N, C-alpha and C. Protein backbone atom coordinates (compact mmCIF):
# COMPACT_ATOMS: atom_id res chain seq x y z
N MET A 1 16.41 -158.66 127.12
CA MET A 1 15.96 -157.68 128.07
C MET A 1 15.02 -158.36 129.06
N GLU A 2 15.30 -158.21 130.29
CA GLU A 2 14.48 -158.82 131.34
C GLU A 2 13.43 -157.84 131.83
N THR A 3 12.26 -158.40 132.02
CA THR A 3 11.22 -157.58 132.65
C THR A 3 11.07 -158.04 134.08
N GLN A 4 10.99 -157.09 134.94
CA GLN A 4 10.84 -157.43 136.34
C GLN A 4 9.37 -157.33 136.71
N THR A 5 8.93 -158.35 137.39
CA THR A 5 7.55 -158.32 137.86
C THR A 5 7.53 -157.77 139.27
N GLU A 6 6.52 -157.02 139.53
CA GLU A 6 6.39 -156.46 140.87
C GLU A 6 5.92 -157.55 141.82
N PRO A 7 6.54 -157.63 142.97
CA PRO A 7 6.06 -158.62 143.94
C PRO A 7 4.65 -158.24 144.42
N ARG A 8 3.82 -159.23 144.49
CA ARG A 8 2.44 -158.99 144.93
C ARG A 8 2.36 -159.14 146.44
N SER A 9 1.63 -158.24 147.03
CA SER A 9 1.44 -158.37 148.47
C SER A 9 0.36 -159.41 148.72
N PRO A 10 0.47 -160.16 149.81
CA PRO A 10 -0.54 -161.17 150.10
C PRO A 10 -1.94 -160.59 150.26
N GLU A 11 -2.03 -159.36 150.80
CA GLU A 11 -3.35 -158.75 150.99
C GLU A 11 -4.00 -158.46 149.65
N LEU A 12 -3.20 -157.97 148.69
CA LEU A 12 -3.73 -157.67 147.37
C LEU A 12 -4.19 -158.95 146.67
N THR A 13 -3.41 -160.00 146.81
CA THR A 13 -3.76 -161.27 146.20
C THR A 13 -5.04 -161.83 146.82
N LEU A 14 -5.14 -161.79 148.14
CA LEU A 14 -6.35 -162.28 148.81
C LEU A 14 -7.57 -161.46 148.42
N THR A 15 -7.40 -160.16 148.30
CA THR A 15 -8.52 -159.30 147.90
C THR A 15 -8.96 -159.64 146.48
N ARG A 16 -8.00 -159.84 145.61
CA ARG A 16 -8.33 -160.18 144.22
C ARG A 16 -9.04 -161.54 144.16
N ILE A 17 -8.53 -162.52 144.87
CA ILE A 17 -9.16 -163.85 144.89
C ILE A 17 -10.56 -163.76 145.46
N ALA A 18 -10.72 -163.00 146.54
CA ALA A 18 -12.05 -162.86 147.15
C ALA A 18 -13.02 -162.19 146.18
N THR A 19 -12.56 -161.19 145.46
CA THR A 19 -13.43 -160.51 144.50
C THR A 19 -13.87 -161.44 143.38
N VAL A 20 -12.93 -162.21 142.85
CA VAL A 20 -13.26 -163.14 141.77
C VAL A 20 -14.20 -164.23 142.27
N LEU A 21 -13.94 -164.78 143.46
CA LEU A 21 -14.83 -165.80 144.01
C LEU A 21 -16.24 -165.26 144.20
N LYS A 22 -16.33 -164.03 144.67
CA LYS A 22 -17.65 -163.42 144.90
C LYS A 22 -18.39 -163.23 143.58
N ILE A 23 -17.74 -162.65 142.60
CA ILE A 23 -18.40 -162.38 141.31
C ILE A 23 -18.80 -163.67 140.62
N VAL A 24 -17.88 -164.60 140.53
CA VAL A 24 -18.17 -165.86 139.84
C VAL A 24 -19.20 -166.67 140.62
N GLY A 25 -19.12 -166.65 141.95
CA GLY A 25 -20.10 -167.38 142.76
C GLY A 25 -21.51 -166.85 142.54
N TRP A 26 -21.67 -165.52 142.58
CA TRP A 26 -23.01 -164.96 142.37
C TRP A 26 -23.48 -165.16 140.94
N LEU A 27 -22.59 -165.00 139.98
CA LEU A 27 -22.96 -165.21 138.58
C LEU A 27 -23.44 -166.64 138.36
N SER A 28 -22.69 -167.58 138.87
CA SER A 28 -23.07 -168.99 138.76
C SER A 28 -24.40 -169.25 139.46
N PHE A 29 -24.57 -168.69 140.64
CA PHE A 29 -25.80 -168.88 141.40
C PHE A 29 -27.02 -168.40 140.62
N TRP A 30 -26.96 -167.17 140.10
CA TRP A 30 -28.14 -166.59 139.45
C TRP A 30 -28.43 -167.25 138.11
N VAL A 31 -27.40 -167.59 137.35
CA VAL A 31 -27.65 -168.27 136.07
C VAL A 31 -28.25 -169.65 136.31
N GLN A 32 -27.68 -170.39 137.26
CA GLN A 32 -28.24 -171.71 137.58
C GLN A 32 -29.65 -171.60 138.13
N LEU A 33 -29.90 -170.59 138.95
CA LEU A 33 -31.25 -170.41 139.49
C LEU A 33 -32.25 -170.13 138.38
N GLY A 34 -31.89 -169.26 137.44
CA GLY A 34 -32.78 -168.95 136.33
C GLY A 34 -33.09 -170.17 135.48
N LEU A 35 -32.06 -170.94 135.16
CA LEU A 35 -32.27 -172.15 134.37
C LEU A 35 -33.04 -173.20 135.15
N GLY A 36 -32.80 -173.28 136.45
CA GLY A 36 -33.54 -174.22 137.28
C GLY A 36 -35.01 -173.86 137.38
N VAL A 37 -35.30 -172.57 137.49
CA VAL A 37 -36.71 -172.13 137.52
C VAL A 37 -37.38 -172.46 136.19
N ALA A 38 -36.68 -172.24 135.09
CA ALA A 38 -37.25 -172.57 133.77
C ALA A 38 -37.54 -174.07 133.68
N ALA A 39 -36.61 -174.89 134.15
CA ALA A 39 -36.83 -176.35 134.13
C ALA A 39 -38.00 -176.72 135.04
N GLY A 40 -38.06 -176.10 136.20
CA GLY A 40 -39.17 -176.38 137.12
C GLY A 40 -40.52 -175.99 136.54
N LEU A 41 -40.58 -174.85 135.86
CA LEU A 41 -41.84 -174.43 135.24
C LEU A 41 -42.26 -175.40 134.14
N CYS A 42 -41.30 -175.86 133.37
CA CYS A 42 -41.62 -176.87 132.34
C CYS A 42 -42.23 -178.11 132.99
N LEU A 43 -41.65 -178.54 134.08
CA LEU A 43 -42.17 -179.74 134.76
C LEU A 43 -43.53 -179.48 135.40
N VAL A 44 -43.75 -178.28 135.90
CA VAL A 44 -45.07 -177.95 136.45
C VAL A 44 -46.13 -178.04 135.36
N PHE A 45 -45.81 -177.52 134.17
CA PHE A 45 -46.75 -177.63 133.05
C PHE A 45 -47.02 -179.08 132.70
N VAL A 46 -45.97 -179.88 132.68
CA VAL A 46 -46.12 -181.30 132.32
C VAL A 46 -46.98 -182.03 133.35
N ILE A 47 -46.66 -181.85 134.62
CA ILE A 47 -47.37 -182.59 135.67
C ILE A 47 -48.82 -182.14 135.75
N SER A 48 -49.06 -180.83 135.68
CA SER A 48 -50.45 -180.37 135.74
C SER A 48 -51.20 -180.75 134.47
N GLY A 49 -50.55 -180.74 133.33
CA GLY A 49 -51.19 -181.14 132.08
C GLY A 49 -51.53 -182.61 132.05
N ARG A 50 -50.69 -183.42 132.64
CA ARG A 50 -50.97 -184.86 132.69
C ARG A 50 -52.15 -185.14 133.60
N ASN A 51 -52.26 -184.38 134.69
CA ASN A 51 -53.39 -184.57 135.60
C ASN A 51 -54.70 -184.13 134.97
N VAL A 52 -54.67 -183.05 134.17
CA VAL A 52 -55.88 -182.54 133.54
C VAL A 52 -56.33 -183.46 132.42
N SER A 53 -55.37 -183.89 131.59
CA SER A 53 -55.74 -184.71 130.43
C SER A 53 -56.06 -186.14 130.82
N GLY A 54 -55.74 -186.53 132.02
CA GLY A 54 -56.11 -187.86 132.49
C GLY A 54 -55.23 -188.97 131.96
N GLY A 55 -54.18 -188.65 131.35
CA GLY A 55 -53.30 -189.69 130.83
C GLY A 55 -51.95 -189.11 130.56
N GLY A 56 -51.23 -189.81 129.80
CA GLY A 56 -49.92 -189.33 129.46
C GLY A 56 -49.32 -190.23 128.42
N SER A 57 -48.18 -189.87 128.02
CA SER A 57 -47.48 -190.67 127.04
C SER A 57 -46.72 -191.76 127.75
N PRO A 58 -46.84 -192.99 127.28
CA PRO A 58 -46.06 -194.04 127.91
C PRO A 58 -44.57 -193.79 127.70
N GLY A 59 -43.81 -193.95 128.74
CA GLY A 59 -42.36 -193.77 128.66
C GLY A 59 -41.88 -192.38 129.04
N ILE A 60 -42.75 -191.39 129.03
CA ILE A 60 -42.33 -190.03 129.37
C ILE A 60 -42.09 -189.89 130.87
N GLY A 61 -42.72 -190.72 131.67
CA GLY A 61 -42.57 -190.65 133.12
C GLY A 61 -41.13 -190.78 133.58
N ILE A 62 -40.34 -191.60 132.89
CA ILE A 62 -38.93 -191.76 133.28
C ILE A 62 -38.16 -190.47 133.01
N GLY A 63 -38.52 -189.76 131.94
CA GLY A 63 -37.90 -188.47 131.67
C GLY A 63 -38.24 -187.45 132.73
N VAL A 64 -39.50 -187.49 133.20
CA VAL A 64 -39.92 -186.59 134.28
C VAL A 64 -39.15 -186.92 135.55
N PHE A 65 -39.00 -188.21 135.84
CA PHE A 65 -38.26 -188.62 137.04
C PHE A 65 -36.83 -188.08 137.01
N TRP A 66 -36.13 -188.26 135.88
CA TRP A 66 -34.74 -187.81 135.81
C TRP A 66 -34.65 -186.28 135.84
N ALA A 67 -35.65 -185.60 135.29
CA ALA A 67 -35.64 -184.13 135.35
C ALA A 67 -35.81 -183.66 136.80
N ILE A 68 -36.69 -184.32 137.54
CA ILE A 68 -36.87 -183.97 138.96
C ILE A 68 -35.60 -184.28 139.75
N ALA A 69 -34.96 -185.41 139.45
CA ALA A 69 -33.69 -185.74 140.11
C ALA A 69 -32.62 -184.71 139.77
N GLY A 70 -32.61 -184.25 138.52
CA GLY A 70 -31.66 -183.21 138.11
C GLY A 70 -31.89 -181.91 138.85
N ILE A 71 -33.15 -181.56 139.07
CA ILE A 71 -33.47 -180.34 139.82
C ILE A 71 -33.04 -180.49 141.28
N ALA A 72 -33.18 -181.69 141.83
CA ALA A 72 -32.73 -181.92 143.21
C ALA A 72 -31.22 -181.73 143.32
N VAL A 73 -30.47 -182.25 142.35
CA VAL A 73 -29.02 -182.05 142.35
C VAL A 73 -28.70 -180.57 142.13
N LEU A 74 -29.52 -179.90 141.31
CA LEU A 74 -29.31 -178.48 141.06
C LEU A 74 -29.50 -177.65 142.32
N LEU A 75 -30.43 -178.04 143.17
CA LEU A 75 -30.61 -177.33 144.44
C LEU A 75 -29.34 -177.41 145.29
N PHE A 76 -28.71 -178.58 145.30
CA PHE A 76 -27.45 -178.73 146.03
C PHE A 76 -26.36 -177.88 145.37
N SER A 77 -26.36 -177.85 144.05
CA SER A 77 -25.38 -177.04 143.32
C SER A 77 -25.58 -175.55 143.60
N LEU A 78 -26.82 -175.12 143.74
CA LEU A 78 -27.09 -173.73 144.11
C LEU A 78 -26.55 -173.41 145.50
N PHE A 79 -26.71 -174.35 146.42
CA PHE A 79 -26.16 -174.17 147.76
C PHE A 79 -24.64 -174.03 147.68
N LEU A 80 -24.00 -174.84 146.84
CA LEU A 80 -22.54 -174.76 146.71
C LEU A 80 -22.11 -173.43 146.10
N ALA A 81 -22.86 -172.94 145.11
CA ALA A 81 -22.53 -171.64 144.51
C ALA A 81 -22.66 -170.52 145.54
N PHE A 82 -23.69 -170.61 146.37
CA PHE A 82 -23.85 -169.62 147.44
C PHE A 82 -22.71 -169.74 148.45
N ARG A 83 -22.31 -170.96 148.74
CA ARG A 83 -21.22 -171.19 149.69
C ARG A 83 -19.91 -170.59 149.17
N LEU A 84 -19.76 -170.56 147.87
CA LEU A 84 -18.57 -169.96 147.27
C LEU A 84 -18.49 -168.47 147.61
N THR A 85 -19.62 -167.81 147.63
CA THR A 85 -19.63 -166.39 148.00
C THR A 85 -19.27 -166.22 149.48
N ARG A 86 -19.59 -167.20 150.30
CA ARG A 86 -19.22 -167.13 151.72
C ARG A 86 -17.71 -167.31 151.88
N PHE A 87 -17.09 -168.14 151.03
CA PHE A 87 -15.63 -168.25 151.06
C PHE A 87 -15.01 -166.89 150.75
N ALA A 88 -15.59 -166.17 149.78
CA ALA A 88 -15.08 -164.85 149.43
C ALA A 88 -15.20 -163.90 150.61
N ARG A 89 -16.30 -163.97 151.33
CA ARG A 89 -16.48 -163.11 152.50
C ARG A 89 -15.45 -163.45 153.58
N GLN A 90 -15.19 -164.74 153.77
CA GLN A 90 -14.19 -165.14 154.78
C GLN A 90 -12.80 -164.65 154.40
N LEU A 91 -12.49 -164.64 153.09
CA LEU A 91 -11.17 -164.17 152.66
C LEU A 91 -11.00 -162.67 152.89
N ARG A 92 -12.07 -161.93 152.90
CA ARG A 92 -12.00 -160.49 153.13
C ARG A 92 -11.95 -160.13 154.62
N HIS A 93 -12.13 -161.11 155.47
CA HIS A 93 -12.14 -160.84 156.91
C HIS A 93 -10.75 -160.37 157.35
N PRO A 94 -10.69 -159.35 158.22
CA PRO A 94 -9.38 -158.83 158.65
C PRO A 94 -8.56 -159.83 159.47
N ASN A 95 -9.21 -160.78 160.12
CA ASN A 95 -8.49 -161.76 160.92
C ASN A 95 -8.03 -162.91 160.01
N PRO A 96 -6.72 -163.09 159.82
CA PRO A 96 -6.23 -164.14 158.92
C PRO A 96 -6.59 -165.56 159.37
N GLU A 97 -6.88 -165.72 160.66
CA GLU A 97 -7.24 -167.06 161.15
C GLU A 97 -8.59 -167.51 160.61
N ARG A 98 -9.42 -166.58 160.18
CA ARG A 98 -10.75 -166.92 159.65
C ARG A 98 -10.71 -167.23 158.16
N HIS A 99 -9.58 -166.98 157.52
CA HIS A 99 -9.46 -167.24 156.09
C HIS A 99 -9.46 -168.75 155.83
N PRO A 100 -10.21 -169.20 154.84
CA PRO A 100 -10.13 -170.63 154.49
C PRO A 100 -8.78 -170.92 153.83
N SER A 101 -8.30 -172.11 154.02
CA SER A 101 -7.02 -172.46 153.41
C SER A 101 -7.19 -172.66 151.90
N ARG A 102 -6.09 -172.55 151.20
CA ARG A 102 -6.12 -172.76 149.75
C ARG A 102 -6.58 -174.17 149.44
N ALA A 103 -6.11 -175.14 150.22
CA ALA A 103 -6.50 -176.53 150.00
C ALA A 103 -8.00 -176.73 150.21
N ALA A 104 -8.57 -176.04 151.20
CA ALA A 104 -10.01 -176.17 151.44
C ALA A 104 -10.82 -175.61 150.28
N VAL A 105 -10.38 -174.48 149.74
CA VAL A 105 -11.08 -173.89 148.60
C VAL A 105 -10.96 -174.79 147.38
N MET A 106 -9.77 -175.33 147.14
CA MET A 106 -9.57 -176.21 145.98
C MET A 106 -10.40 -177.49 146.12
N GLN A 107 -10.45 -178.04 147.31
CA GLN A 107 -11.25 -179.24 147.54
C GLN A 107 -12.74 -178.94 147.35
N PHE A 108 -13.16 -177.77 147.80
CA PHE A 108 -14.55 -177.36 147.62
C PHE A 108 -14.88 -177.22 146.14
N LEU A 109 -13.97 -176.62 145.37
CA LEU A 109 -14.21 -176.47 143.93
C LEU A 109 -14.28 -177.83 143.24
N GLN A 110 -13.48 -178.79 143.70
CA GLN A 110 -13.58 -180.14 143.14
C GLN A 110 -14.96 -180.74 143.40
N MET A 111 -15.50 -180.49 144.58
CA MET A 111 -16.84 -180.99 144.90
C MET A 111 -17.89 -180.33 144.01
N VAL A 112 -17.73 -179.04 143.74
CA VAL A 112 -18.66 -178.33 142.85
C VAL A 112 -18.59 -178.92 141.44
N ILE A 113 -17.39 -179.19 140.97
CA ILE A 113 -17.22 -179.78 139.64
C ILE A 113 -17.89 -181.15 139.57
N LEU A 114 -17.65 -181.99 140.57
CA LEU A 114 -18.25 -183.32 140.58
C LEU A 114 -19.77 -183.25 140.67
N THR A 115 -20.29 -182.30 141.43
CA THR A 115 -21.74 -182.13 141.51
C THR A 115 -22.31 -181.73 140.15
N GLY A 116 -21.63 -180.83 139.46
CA GLY A 116 -22.08 -180.43 138.13
C GLY A 116 -22.06 -181.58 137.14
N VAL A 117 -21.01 -182.39 137.19
CA VAL A 117 -20.93 -183.54 136.28
C VAL A 117 -22.01 -184.57 136.62
N ALA A 118 -22.24 -184.81 137.90
CA ALA A 118 -23.30 -185.75 138.30
C ALA A 118 -24.67 -185.24 137.87
N GLY A 119 -24.91 -183.95 138.04
CA GLY A 119 -26.18 -183.37 137.60
C GLY A 119 -26.36 -183.46 136.10
N MET A 120 -25.28 -183.22 135.35
CA MET A 120 -25.37 -183.36 133.89
C MET A 120 -25.69 -184.79 133.51
N LEU A 121 -25.07 -185.75 134.19
CA LEU A 121 -25.33 -187.16 133.89
C LEU A 121 -26.80 -187.50 134.12
N VAL A 122 -27.34 -187.07 135.24
CA VAL A 122 -28.73 -187.36 135.57
C VAL A 122 -29.67 -186.76 134.53
N THR A 123 -29.46 -185.50 134.18
CA THR A 123 -30.36 -184.85 133.24
C THR A 123 -30.13 -185.33 131.81
N ILE A 124 -28.93 -185.76 131.47
CA ILE A 124 -28.70 -186.36 130.15
C ILE A 124 -29.46 -187.67 130.04
N LEU A 125 -29.49 -188.45 131.12
CA LEU A 125 -30.30 -189.68 131.11
C LEU A 125 -31.77 -189.36 130.86
N GLY A 126 -32.28 -188.33 131.53
CA GLY A 126 -33.67 -187.93 131.33
C GLY A 126 -33.93 -187.42 129.93
N GLY A 127 -33.02 -186.61 129.42
CA GLY A 127 -33.17 -186.10 128.06
C GLY A 127 -33.11 -187.21 127.03
N GLY A 128 -32.20 -188.16 127.23
CA GLY A 128 -32.10 -189.29 126.30
C GLY A 128 -33.34 -190.15 126.31
N ALA A 129 -33.86 -190.41 127.50
CA ALA A 129 -35.08 -191.23 127.60
C ALA A 129 -36.26 -190.52 126.94
N THR A 130 -36.38 -189.23 127.17
CA THR A 130 -37.48 -188.46 126.59
C THR A 130 -37.36 -188.39 125.07
N LEU A 131 -36.17 -188.12 124.58
CA LEU A 131 -35.99 -188.04 123.13
C LEU A 131 -36.18 -189.40 122.47
N GLY A 132 -35.83 -190.47 123.17
CA GLY A 132 -36.09 -191.81 122.64
C GLY A 132 -37.58 -192.07 122.48
N VAL A 133 -38.37 -191.65 123.46
CA VAL A 133 -39.83 -191.80 123.37
C VAL A 133 -40.38 -190.95 122.23
N LEU A 134 -39.90 -189.71 122.11
CA LEU A 134 -40.38 -188.84 121.04
C LEU A 134 -40.01 -189.39 119.67
N LEU A 135 -38.82 -189.95 119.54
CA LEU A 135 -38.41 -190.55 118.28
C LEU A 135 -39.28 -191.75 117.95
N ALA A 136 -39.53 -192.60 118.93
CA ALA A 136 -40.38 -193.77 118.70
C ALA A 136 -41.79 -193.35 118.27
N LYS A 137 -42.31 -192.32 118.88
CA LYS A 137 -43.64 -191.83 118.50
C LYS A 137 -43.65 -191.28 117.08
N SER A 138 -42.61 -190.53 116.72
CA SER A 138 -42.58 -189.95 115.38
C SER A 138 -42.42 -191.02 114.31
N ILE A 139 -41.69 -192.08 114.61
CA ILE A 139 -41.54 -193.18 113.65
C ILE A 139 -42.83 -193.97 113.54
N ALA A 140 -43.56 -194.11 114.63
CA ALA A 140 -44.79 -194.90 114.64
C ALA A 140 -45.96 -194.18 113.98
N GLN A 141 -45.84 -192.89 113.73
CA GLN A 141 -46.95 -192.17 113.10
C GLN A 141 -46.98 -192.46 111.61
N PRO A 142 -48.13 -192.88 111.11
CA PRO A 142 -48.24 -193.09 109.66
C PRO A 142 -48.26 -191.74 108.95
N GLN A 143 -47.59 -191.68 107.82
CA GLN A 143 -47.52 -190.43 107.07
C GLN A 143 -48.77 -190.24 106.23
N GLY A 144 -49.38 -189.08 106.33
CA GLY A 144 -50.53 -188.75 105.51
C GLY A 144 -51.83 -189.40 105.93
N VAL A 145 -51.87 -190.03 107.08
CA VAL A 145 -53.07 -190.71 107.55
C VAL A 145 -53.45 -190.12 108.91
N ALA A 146 -54.73 -190.04 109.17
CA ALA A 146 -55.18 -189.55 110.47
C ALA A 146 -54.76 -190.52 111.57
N ILE A 147 -54.41 -189.97 112.71
CA ILE A 147 -53.98 -190.79 113.84
C ILE A 147 -55.17 -190.95 114.77
N TYR A 148 -55.55 -192.20 115.00
CA TYR A 148 -56.69 -192.47 115.86
C TYR A 148 -56.28 -192.91 117.26
N ASP A 149 -55.02 -193.30 117.41
CA ASP A 149 -54.53 -193.72 118.72
C ASP A 149 -53.88 -192.52 119.41
N PRO A 150 -54.48 -191.99 120.47
CA PRO A 150 -53.91 -190.80 121.11
C PRO A 150 -52.54 -191.04 121.75
N GLN A 151 -52.17 -192.29 121.97
CA GLN A 151 -50.86 -192.59 122.55
C GLN A 151 -49.73 -192.34 121.55
N ARG A 152 -50.05 -192.27 120.26
CA ARG A 152 -49.02 -192.08 119.23
C ARG A 152 -48.75 -190.61 118.92
N ILE A 153 -49.58 -189.74 119.39
CA ILE A 153 -49.43 -188.31 119.09
C ILE A 153 -48.33 -187.72 119.96
N ILE A 154 -47.46 -186.95 119.32
CA ILE A 154 -46.44 -186.22 120.07
C ILE A 154 -47.11 -184.95 120.60
N ARG A 155 -47.24 -184.89 121.92
CA ARG A 155 -47.89 -183.75 122.55
C ARG A 155 -46.86 -182.72 122.96
N SER A 156 -47.31 -181.49 123.08
CA SER A 156 -46.39 -180.43 123.51
C SER A 156 -45.88 -180.68 124.92
N LEU A 157 -46.67 -181.36 125.74
CA LEU A 157 -46.21 -181.68 127.09
C LEU A 157 -45.00 -182.61 127.06
N ASP A 158 -44.95 -183.49 126.05
CA ASP A 158 -43.79 -184.38 125.92
C ASP A 158 -42.53 -183.56 125.62
N ILE A 159 -42.69 -182.53 124.82
CA ILE A 159 -41.54 -181.69 124.47
C ILE A 159 -41.10 -180.85 125.67
N PHE A 160 -42.05 -180.48 126.53
CA PHE A 160 -41.70 -179.75 127.75
C PHE A 160 -40.78 -180.59 128.65
N VAL A 161 -40.97 -181.90 128.66
CA VAL A 161 -40.09 -182.76 129.46
C VAL A 161 -38.66 -182.69 128.91
N ALA A 162 -38.55 -182.76 127.58
CA ALA A 162 -37.22 -182.65 126.96
C ALA A 162 -36.61 -181.28 127.26
N MET A 163 -37.43 -180.25 127.22
CA MET A 163 -36.94 -178.90 127.49
C MET A 163 -36.48 -178.75 128.94
N ALA A 164 -37.20 -179.36 129.87
CA ALA A 164 -36.80 -179.31 131.28
C ALA A 164 -35.43 -179.97 131.46
N ASN A 165 -35.23 -181.10 130.80
CA ASN A 165 -33.94 -181.78 130.90
C ASN A 165 -32.83 -180.97 130.25
N MET A 166 -33.11 -180.31 129.13
CA MET A 166 -32.09 -179.48 128.48
C MET A 166 -31.71 -178.29 129.36
N ASN A 167 -32.70 -177.67 129.99
CA ASN A 167 -32.40 -176.57 130.91
C ASN A 167 -31.57 -177.07 132.09
N GLY A 168 -31.87 -178.27 132.56
CA GLY A 168 -31.09 -178.85 133.65
C GLY A 168 -29.65 -179.12 133.25
N ILE A 169 -29.47 -179.66 132.04
CA ILE A 169 -28.11 -179.91 131.54
C ILE A 169 -27.33 -178.60 131.48
N THR A 170 -27.96 -177.57 130.94
CA THR A 170 -27.29 -176.27 130.82
C THR A 170 -26.95 -175.68 132.18
N ALA A 171 -27.86 -175.79 133.13
CA ALA A 171 -27.59 -175.25 134.48
C ALA A 171 -26.41 -175.97 135.13
N HIS A 172 -26.38 -177.29 135.03
CA HIS A 172 -25.26 -178.04 135.62
C HIS A 172 -23.96 -177.75 134.88
N PHE A 173 -24.04 -177.54 133.58
CA PHE A 173 -22.86 -177.20 132.79
C PHE A 173 -22.28 -175.87 133.27
N VAL A 174 -23.14 -174.89 133.49
CA VAL A 174 -22.68 -173.58 133.99
C VAL A 174 -21.97 -173.74 135.33
N GLY A 175 -22.57 -174.52 136.23
CA GLY A 175 -21.95 -174.73 137.54
C GLY A 175 -20.60 -175.42 137.45
N ALA A 176 -20.51 -176.45 136.60
CA ALA A 176 -19.26 -177.19 136.47
C ALA A 176 -18.18 -176.34 135.80
N ILE A 177 -18.55 -175.60 134.76
CA ILE A 177 -17.56 -174.80 134.03
C ILE A 177 -17.04 -173.64 134.88
N THR A 178 -17.91 -172.99 135.63
CA THR A 178 -17.43 -171.89 136.47
C THR A 178 -16.48 -172.41 137.55
N ALA A 179 -16.81 -173.55 138.13
CA ALA A 179 -15.93 -174.13 139.16
C ALA A 179 -14.61 -174.59 138.54
N LEU A 180 -14.68 -175.16 137.35
CA LEU A 180 -13.46 -175.61 136.67
C LEU A 180 -12.57 -174.42 136.32
N GLY A 181 -13.18 -173.34 135.86
CA GLY A 181 -12.40 -172.13 135.56
C GLY A 181 -11.75 -171.56 136.81
N LEU A 182 -12.50 -171.52 137.90
CA LEU A 182 -11.92 -171.04 139.16
C LEU A 182 -10.80 -171.94 139.65
N PHE A 183 -11.00 -173.24 139.51
CA PHE A 183 -9.99 -174.21 139.94
C PHE A 183 -8.69 -173.98 139.17
N LYS A 184 -8.82 -173.80 137.87
CA LYS A 184 -7.63 -173.57 137.04
C LYS A 184 -6.99 -172.23 137.39
N TRP A 185 -7.83 -171.20 137.57
CA TRP A 185 -7.31 -169.87 137.87
C TRP A 185 -6.61 -169.85 139.22
N LEU A 186 -7.19 -170.49 140.23
CA LEU A 186 -6.58 -170.51 141.56
C LEU A 186 -5.32 -171.37 141.59
N GLY A 187 -5.20 -172.30 140.67
CA GLY A 187 -4.01 -173.14 140.60
C GLY A 187 -2.75 -172.35 140.25
N ARG A 188 -2.93 -171.17 139.67
CA ARG A 188 -1.78 -170.34 139.31
C ARG A 188 -1.21 -169.58 140.50
N PHE A 189 -1.94 -169.48 141.59
CA PHE A 189 -1.47 -168.71 142.74
C PHE A 189 -0.70 -169.57 143.70
């Protein structure tokens, strides 16, 4: 028994694509923004805490650097997520000449995916460096003995650096996965 599929009108398809691009674009934007703000707040605590305490943990600075670099890439990723909502608006425009081409949207989604992967790489480097320092400190602490060297103590500010990098990894993951899902979904049309 054959089932017949109803032919889809181009207007209905464009409307559906525009709706999905708009919803996914805004969802990606707000989730990434929330995670980016959380990462930024962690870094603000770290930087202000290091200035107040007059020192810091040796080696943590590289983790802070990569976290800041990850936030910079995240800002670009937020711009791309917002741009995705503009593509949706252009697809809803009554004038077909203003509609972006399918190839342009697919190429744009590839750029979003690559940005997400690059951001994950940067923040993974920061997280790895920070966790390496934390591991070295925990191994260097003598068990059951008072610690007299303040450089050996694992401070909560050190953990905030790791947390900032983890939030950055998650934010970039959200951006890459949403773009990858859209890319796969649009490939069916």
